[in-house]
Amino acid sequence: MADEQAAAGTTEQTAPEQQFIIERIYIKDVSFESPNSPSIFTEEWDPDTNLQLNTEVTPISDNHYEVVLMITVTVKSQDKTAFLVEVAQAGVFQITGYDADQLNHLLASYCPSNLYPYAREAIASLISKGSFPEMHLSPINFDALYAQRMQEEAEQHAAAQNGQAIVDANSATKDGDNK
């Protein structure tokens, strides 16, 4: 029994402790453009909104990562650009003790989920300061986006392997014909 406890103690000491720490959240870049003002204010307001969303992860040092959530909102009215807002909301995260799949999920889903409310607020503020009607971006389920991306990658990988198997089969047939 003492040997089992000693073995368990050794396992506990060697198992890495999992930590997720938000060290800093900041705006890395911001831009607001209203190319058709002031004439856009005199026209009928019929907004057509386009939202683009991207993330970028940069390792800073061991267990430290910068995650940047980039959001671009373009609103057109009557086929004229009313405004374009770009926000790069960033954060520095310390993440330790997770396996590669868990780390990937944290960086691609959980970190952007933490950054998004700050980006939403910055975008709403800029639009308001541009004298346009109030706009609030809907919540985004980053876990669902991550799962969708993983599914698409798995399908692409399977299709690529299936395509390679067909190429290999065709090569084998051609080699057999030459004999």
C-alpha atoms as a PDB file:
ATOM      1  CA  MET A   1       0.000   0.000   0.000  1.00  0.00           C
ATOM      2  CA  ALA A   2       2.842   2.379   0.817  1.00  0.00           C
ATOM      3  CA  ASP A   3       4.358   1.563  -2.586  1.00  0.00           C
ATOM      4  CA  GLU A   4       1.036   2.418  -4.277  1.00  0.00           C
ATOM      5  CA  GLN A   5       0.865   5.747  -2.433  1.00  0.00           C
ATOM      6  CA  ALA A   6       4.476   6.507  -3.337  1.00  0.00           C
ATOM      7  CA  ALA A   7       3.749   5.676  -6.986  1.00  0.00           C
ATOM      8  CA  ALA A   8       0.613   7.846  -6.911  1.00  0.00           C
ATOM      9  CA  GLY A   9       2.619  10.677  -5.337  1.00  0.00           C
ATOM     10  CA  THR A  10       5.199  10.435  -8.106  1.00  0.00           C
ATOM     11  CA  THR A  11       2.452  10.583 -10.738  1.00  0.00           C
ATOM     12  CA  GLU A  12       0.931  13.670  -9.119  1.00  0.00           C
ATOM     13  CA  GLN A  13       4.300  15.427  -9.058  1.00  0.00           C
ATOM     14  CA  THR A  14       5.069  14.725 -12.729  1.00  0.00           C
ATOM     15  CA  ALA A  15       1.596  15.559 -14.097  1.00  0.00           C
ATOM     16  CA  PRO A  16       1.683  19.140 -15.405  1.00  0.00           C
ATOM     17  CA  GLU A  17      -0.690  21.589 -13.776  1.00  0.00           C
ATOM     18  CA  GLN A  18      -3.215  23.078 -16.155  1.00  0.00           C
ATOM     19  CA  GLN A  19      -3.346  26.856 -16.169  1.00  0.00           C
ATOM     20  CA  PHE A  20      -5.141  29.387 -18.323  1.00  0.00           C
ATOM     21  CA  ILE A  21      -4.306  32.982 -17.493  1.00  0.00           C
ATOM     22  CA  ILE A  22      -5.409  36.100 -19.340  1.00  0.00           C
ATOM     23  CA  GLU A  23      -2.427  38.392 -18.926  1.00  0.00           C
ATOM     24  CA  ARG A  24      -3.519  41.342 -21.046  1.00  0.00           C
ATOM     25  CA  ILE A  25      -6.315  42.416 -23.407  1.00  0.00           C
ATOM     26  CA  TYR A  26      -5.758  45.347 -25.752  1.00  0.00           C
ATOM     27  CA  ILE A  27      -6.659  46.892 -29.086  1.00  0.00           C
ATOM     28  CA  LYS A  28      -3.875  46.160 -31.527  1.00  0.00           C
ATOM     29  CA  ASP A  29      -5.320  48.052 -34.510  1.00  0.00           C
ATOM     30  CA  VAL A  30      -8.489  50.010 -35.249  1.00  0.00           C
ATOM     31  CA  SER A  31      -9.855  51.773 -38.309  1.00  0.00           C
ATOM     32  CA  PHE A  32     -13.076  53.592 -39.172  1.00  0.00           C
ATOM     33  CA  GLU A  33     -13.867  54.855 -42.658  1.00  0.00           C
ATOM     34  CA  SER A  34     -16.935  56.655 -43.936  1.00  0.00           C
ATOM     35  CA  PRO A  35     -16.057  57.362 -47.573  1.00  0.00           C
ATOM     36  CA  ASN A  36     -19.462  58.701 -48.634  1.00  0.00           C
ATOM     37  CA  SER A  37     -20.197  61.064 -45.786  1.00  0.00           C
ATOM     38  CA  PRO A  38     -21.835  63.509 -45.468  1.00  0.00           C
ATOM     39  CA  SER A  39     -24.007  62.670 -48.503  1.00  0.00           C
ATOM     40  CA  ILE A  40     -24.789  59.191 -47.099  1.00  0.00           C
ATOM     41  CA  PHE A  41     -26.654  60.879 -44.200  1.00  0.00           C
ATOM     42  CA  THR A  42     -29.152  62.522 -46.572  1.00  0.00           C
ATOM     43  CA  GLU A  43     -30.145  59.288 -48.339  1.00  0.00           C
ATOM     44  CA  GLU A  44     -32.665  56.656 -47.304  1.00  0.00           C
ATOM     45  CA  TRP A  45     -31.035  54.291 -44.785  1.00  0.00           C
ATOM     46  CA  ASP A  46     -31.212  50.726 -46.133  1.00  0.00           C
ATOM     47  CA  PRO A  47     -28.236  48.960 -44.502  1.00  0.00           C
ATOM     48  CA  ASP A  48     -26.633  45.835 -45.913  1.00  0.00           C
ATOM     49  CA  THR A  49     -24.080  44.483 -43.440  1.00  0.00           C
ATOM     50  CA  ASN A  50     -21.088  42.257 -44.181  1.00  0.00           C
ATOM     51  CA  LEU A  51     -19.083  40.798 -41.285  1.00  0.00           C
ATOM     52  CA  GLN A  52     -15.670  39.179 -41.673  1.00  0.00           C
ATOM     53  CA  LEU A  53     -14.021  37.402 -38.777  1.00  0.00           C
ATOM     54  CA  ASN A  54     -10.483  36.005 -38.506  1.00  0.00           C
ATOM     55  CA  THR A  55      -8.125  34.964 -35.751  1.00  0.00           C
ATOM     56  CA  GLU A  56      -4.357  34.833 -35.640  1.00  0.00           C
ATOM     57  CA  VAL A  57      -2.226  33.094 -33.018  1.00  0.00           C
ATOM     58  CA  THR A  58       1.416  33.976 -32.424  1.00  0.00           C
ATOM     59  CA  PRO A  59       3.546  32.119 -29.875  1.00  0.00           C
ATOM     60  CA  ILE A  60       5.447  34.688 -27.804  1.00  0.00           C
ATOM     61  CA  SER A  61       7.481  32.358 -25.609  1.00  0.00           C
ATOM     62  CA  ASP A  62       7.004  29.022 -23.887  1.00  0.00           C
ATOM     63  CA  ASN A  63       3.365  28.853 -22.797  1.00  0.00           C
ATOM     64  CA  HIS A  64       2.628  32.480 -23.816  1.00  0.00           C
ATOM     65  CA  TYR A  65       0.517  33.262 -26.874  1.00  0.00           C
ATOM     66  CA  GLU A  66      -0.841  36.381 -28.502  1.00  0.00           C
ATOM     67  CA  VAL A  67      -4.289  35.828 -29.994  1.00  0.00           C
ATOM     68  CA  VAL A  68      -5.683  38.506 -32.298  1.00  0.00           C
ATOM     69  CA  LEU A  69      -9.361  38.574 -33.220  1.00  0.00           C
ATOM     70  CA  MET A  70      -9.832  40.633 -36.381  1.00  0.00           C
ATOM     71  CA  ILE A  71     -13.334  41.833 -37.221  1.00  0.00           C
ATOM     72  CA  THR A  72     -14.272  43.859 -40.274  1.00  0.00           C
ATOM     73  CA  VAL A  73     -17.776  45.269 -40.590  1.00  0.00           C
ATOM     74  CA  THR A  74     -18.776  46.843 -43.894  1.00  0.00           C
ATOM     75  CA  VAL A  75     -22.176  48.507 -44.164  1.00  0.00           C
ATOM     76  CA  LYS A  76     -23.571  49.647 -47.479  1.00  0.00           C
ATOM     77  CA  SER A  77     -26.749  51.575 -48.082  1.00  0.00           C
ATOM     78  CA  GLN A  78     -28.180  51.913 -51.581  1.00  0.00           C
ATOM     79  CA  ASP A  79     -24.986  50.208 -52.915  1.00  0.00           C
ATOM     80  CA  LYS A  80     -22.785  52.925 -51.413  1.00  0.00           C
ATOM     81  CA  THR A  81     -20.380  52.186 -48.598  1.00  0.00           C
ATOM     82  CA  ALA A  82     -21.729  53.915 -45.519  1.00  0.00           C
ATOM     83  CA  PHE A  83     -18.884  52.837 -43.267  1.00  0.00           C
ATOM     84  CA  LEU A  84     -16.187  50.255 -42.761  1.00  0.00           C
ATOM     85  CA  VAL A  85     -14.897  49.371 -39.300  1.00  0.00           C
ATOM     86  CA  GLU A  86     -11.868  47.172 -38.648  1.00  0.00           C
ATOM     87  CA  VAL A  87     -10.844  46.152 -35.146  1.00  0.00           C
ATOM     88  CA  ALA A  88      -7.963  43.884 -34.189  1.00  0.00           C
ATOM     89  CA  GLN A  89      -8.630  42.978 -30.560  1.00  0.00           C
ATOM     90  CA  ALA A  90      -5.699  41.144 -29.007  1.00  0.00           C
ATOM     91  CA  GLY A  91      -4.809  39.338 -25.846  1.00  0.00           C
ATOM     92  CA  VAL A  92      -1.805  37.680 -24.275  1.00  0.00           C
ATOM     93  CA  PHE A  93      -2.594  34.332 -22.722  1.00  0.00           C
ATOM     94  CA  GLN A  94      -0.475  32.025 -20.586  1.00  0.00           C
ATOM     95  CA  ILE A  95      -1.534  28.430 -21.172  1.00  0.00           C
ATOM     96  CA  THR A  96       0.215  25.444 -19.602  1.00  0.00           C
ATOM     97  CA  GLY A  97      -0.442  21.758 -19.033  1.00  0.00           C
ATOM     98  CA  TYR A  98      -2.783  21.060 -21.950  1.00  0.00           C
ATOM     99  CA  ASP A  99      -2.235  18.522 -24.712  1.00  0.00           C
ATOM    100  CA  ALA A 100      -1.973  19.729 -28.336  1.00  0.00           C
ATOM    101  CA  ASP A 101      -5.672  19.249 -29.174  1.00  0.00           C
ATOM    102  CA  GLN A 102      -6.825  21.047 -26.038  1.00  0.00           C
ATOM    103  CA  LEU A 103      -4.319  23.856 -26.624  1.00  0.00           C
ATOM    104  CA  ASN A 104      -5.529  24.258 -30.207  1.00  0.00           C
ATOM    105  CA  HIS A 105      -9.145  24.434 -29.001  1.00  0.00           C
ATOM    106  CA  LEU A 106      -8.289  27.028 -26.358  1.00  0.00           C
ATOM    107  CA  LEU A 107      -6.378  29.220 -28.826  1.00  0.00           C
ATOM    108  CA  ALA A 108      -8.920  28.922 -31.645  1.00  0.00           C
ATOM    109  CA  SER A 109     -12.142  29.103 -29.629  1.00  0.00           C
ATOM    110  CA  TYR A 110     -11.860  30.034 -25.972  1.00  0.00           C
ATOM    111  CA  CYS A 111      -9.409  32.922 -26.405  1.00  0.00           C
ATOM    112  CA  PRO A 112     -11.419  34.607 -29.203  1.00  0.00           C
ATOM    113  CA  SER A 113     -14.563  34.148 -27.065  1.00  0.00           C
ATOM    114  CA  ASN A 114     -12.858  36.190 -24.348  1.00  0.00           C
ATOM    115  CA  LEU A 115     -11.769  38.894 -26.811  1.00  0.00           C
ATOM    116  CA  TYR A 116     -15.072  39.244 -28.660  1.00  0.00           C
ATOM    117  CA  PRO A 117     -16.993  41.365 -26.101  1.00  0.00           C
ATOM    118  CA  TYR A 118     -14.178  43.934 -26.130  1.00  0.00           C
ATOM    119  CA  ALA A 119     -14.185  44.041 -29.944  1.00  0.00           C
ATOM    120  CA  ARG A 120     -17.991  44.386 -29.993  1.00  0.00           C
ATOM    121  CA  GLU A 121     -17.811  47.354 -27.654  1.00  0.00           C
ATOM    122  CA  ALA A 122     -15.071  49.035 -29.703  1.00  0.00           C
ATOM    123  CA  ILE A 123     -17.037  48.556 -32.935  1.00  0.00           C
ATOM    124  CA  ALA A 124     -20.289  49.873 -31.429  1.00  0.00           C
ATOM    125  CA  SER A 125     -18.457  52.912 -30.066  1.00  0.00           C
ATOM    126  CA  LEU A 126     -16.799  53.728 -33.397  1.00  0.00           C
ATOM    127  CA  ILE A 127     -20.069  53.418 -35.308  1.00  0.00           C
ATOM    128  CA  SER A 128     -21.797  55.692 -32.819  1.00  0.00           C
ATOM    129  CA  LYS A 129     -18.997  58.254 -33.045  1.00  0.00           C
ATOM    130  CA  GLY A 130     -19.340  58.142 -36.837  1.00  0.00           C
ATOM    131  CA  SER A 131     -22.948  59.358 -36.356  1.00  0.00           C
ATOM    132  CA  PHE A 132     -24.528  56.192 -37.708  1.00  0.00           C
ATOM    133  CA  PRO A 133     -27.462  54.313 -36.150  1.00  0.00           C
ATOM    134  CA  GLU A 134     -26.551  52.175 -33.167  1.00  0.00           C
ATOM    135  CA  MET A 135     -25.298  48.721 -34.094  1.00  0.00           C
ATOM    136  CA  HIS A 136     -24.648  45.791 -31.800  1.00  0.00           C
ATOM    137  CA  LEU A 137     -23.078  42.621 -33.157  1.00  0.00           C
ATOM    138  CA  SER A 138     -24.816  39.408 -32.200  1.00  0.00           C
ATOM    139  CA  PRO A 139     -23.027  36.938 -29.950  1.00  0.00           C
ATOM    140  CA  ILE A 140     -20.864  34.408 -31.783  1.00  0.00           C
ATOM    141  CA  ASN A 141     -20.480  30.766 -30.782  1.00  0.00           C
ATOM    142  CA  PHE A 142     -16.752  30.259 -31.314  1.00  0.00           C
ATOM    143  CA  ASP A 143     -17.018  26.623 -30.190  1.00  0.00           C
ATOM    144  CA  ALA A 144     -19.447  25.928 -33.051  1.00  0.00           C
ATOM    145  CA  LEU A 145     -17.166  27.717 -35.534  1.00  0.00           C
ATOM    146  CA  TYR A 146     -14.206  25.682 -34.276  1.00  0.00           C
ATOM    147  CA  ALA A 147     -16.156  22.411 -34.567  1.00  0.00           C
ATOM    148  CA  GLN A 148     -17.244  23.352 -38.100  1.00  0.00           C
ATOM    149  CA  ARG A 149     -13.658  24.125 -39.107  1.00  0.00           C
ATOM    150  CA  MET A 150     -12.406  20.826 -37.639  1.00  0.00           C
ATOM    151  CA  GLN A 151     -15.151  18.959 -39.548  1.00  0.00           C
ATOM    152  CA  GLU A 152     -14.207  20.711 -42.813  1.00  0.00           C
ATOM    153  CA  GLU A 153     -10.523  19.906 -42.290  1.00  0.00           C
ATOM    154  CA  ALA A 154     -11.349  16.253 -41.568  1.00  0.00           C
ATOM    155  CA  GLU A 155     -13.444  16.069 -44.754  1.00  0.00           C
ATOM    156  CA  GLN A 156     -10.674  17.690 -46.808  1.00  0.00           C
ATOM    157  CA  HIS A 157      -8.128  15.286 -45.321  1.00  0.00           C
ATOM    158  CA  ALA A 158     -10.371  12.294 -46.102  1.00  0.00           C
ATOM    159  CA  ALA A 159     -10.974  13.561 -49.641  1.00  0.00           C
ATOM    160  CA  ALA A 160      -7.236  14.086 -50.164  1.00  0.00           C
ATOM    161  CA  GLN A 161      -6.484  10.572 -48.900  1.00  0.00           C
ATOM    162  CA  ASN A 162      -9.257   9.131 -51.061  1.00  0.00           C
ATOM    163  CA  GLY A 163      -7.873  11.011 -54.073  1.00  0.00           C
ATOM    164  CA  GLN A 164      -4.379   9.685 -53.321  1.00  0.00           C
ATOM    165  CA  ALA A 165      -5.744   6.140 -53.061  1.00  0.00           C
ATOM    166  CA  ILE A 166      -7.344   6.528 -56.503  1.00  0.00           C
ATOM    167  CA  VAL A 167      -4.065   7.856 -57.936  1.00  0.00           C
ATOM    168  CA  ASP A 168      -2.164   4.953 -56.327  1.00  0.00           C
ATOM    169  CA  ALA A 169      -4.685   2.437 -57.716  1.00  0.00           C
ATOM    170  CA  ASN A 170      -4.394   3.958 -61.198  1.00  0.00           C
ATOM    171  CA  SER A 171      -0.594   3.847 -60.974  1.00  0.00           C
ATOM    172  CA  ALA A 172      -0.709   0.192 -59.928  1.00  0.00           C
ATOM    173  CA  THR A 173      -2.992  -0.601 -62.876  1.00  0.00           C
ATOM    174  CA  LYS A 174      -0.702   1.175 -65.311  1.00  0.00           C
ATOM    175  CA  ASP A 175       2.354  -0.562 -63.858  1.00  0.00           C
ATOM    176  CA  GLY A 176       0.570  -3.910 -64.174  1.00  0.00           C
ATOM    177  CA  ASP A 177      -0.336  -3.172 -67.802  1.00  0.00           C
ATOM    178  CA  ASN A 178       3.300  -2.491 -68.655  1.00  0.00           C
ATOM    179  CA  LYS A 179       4.474  -5.918 -67.484  1.00  0.00           C
END
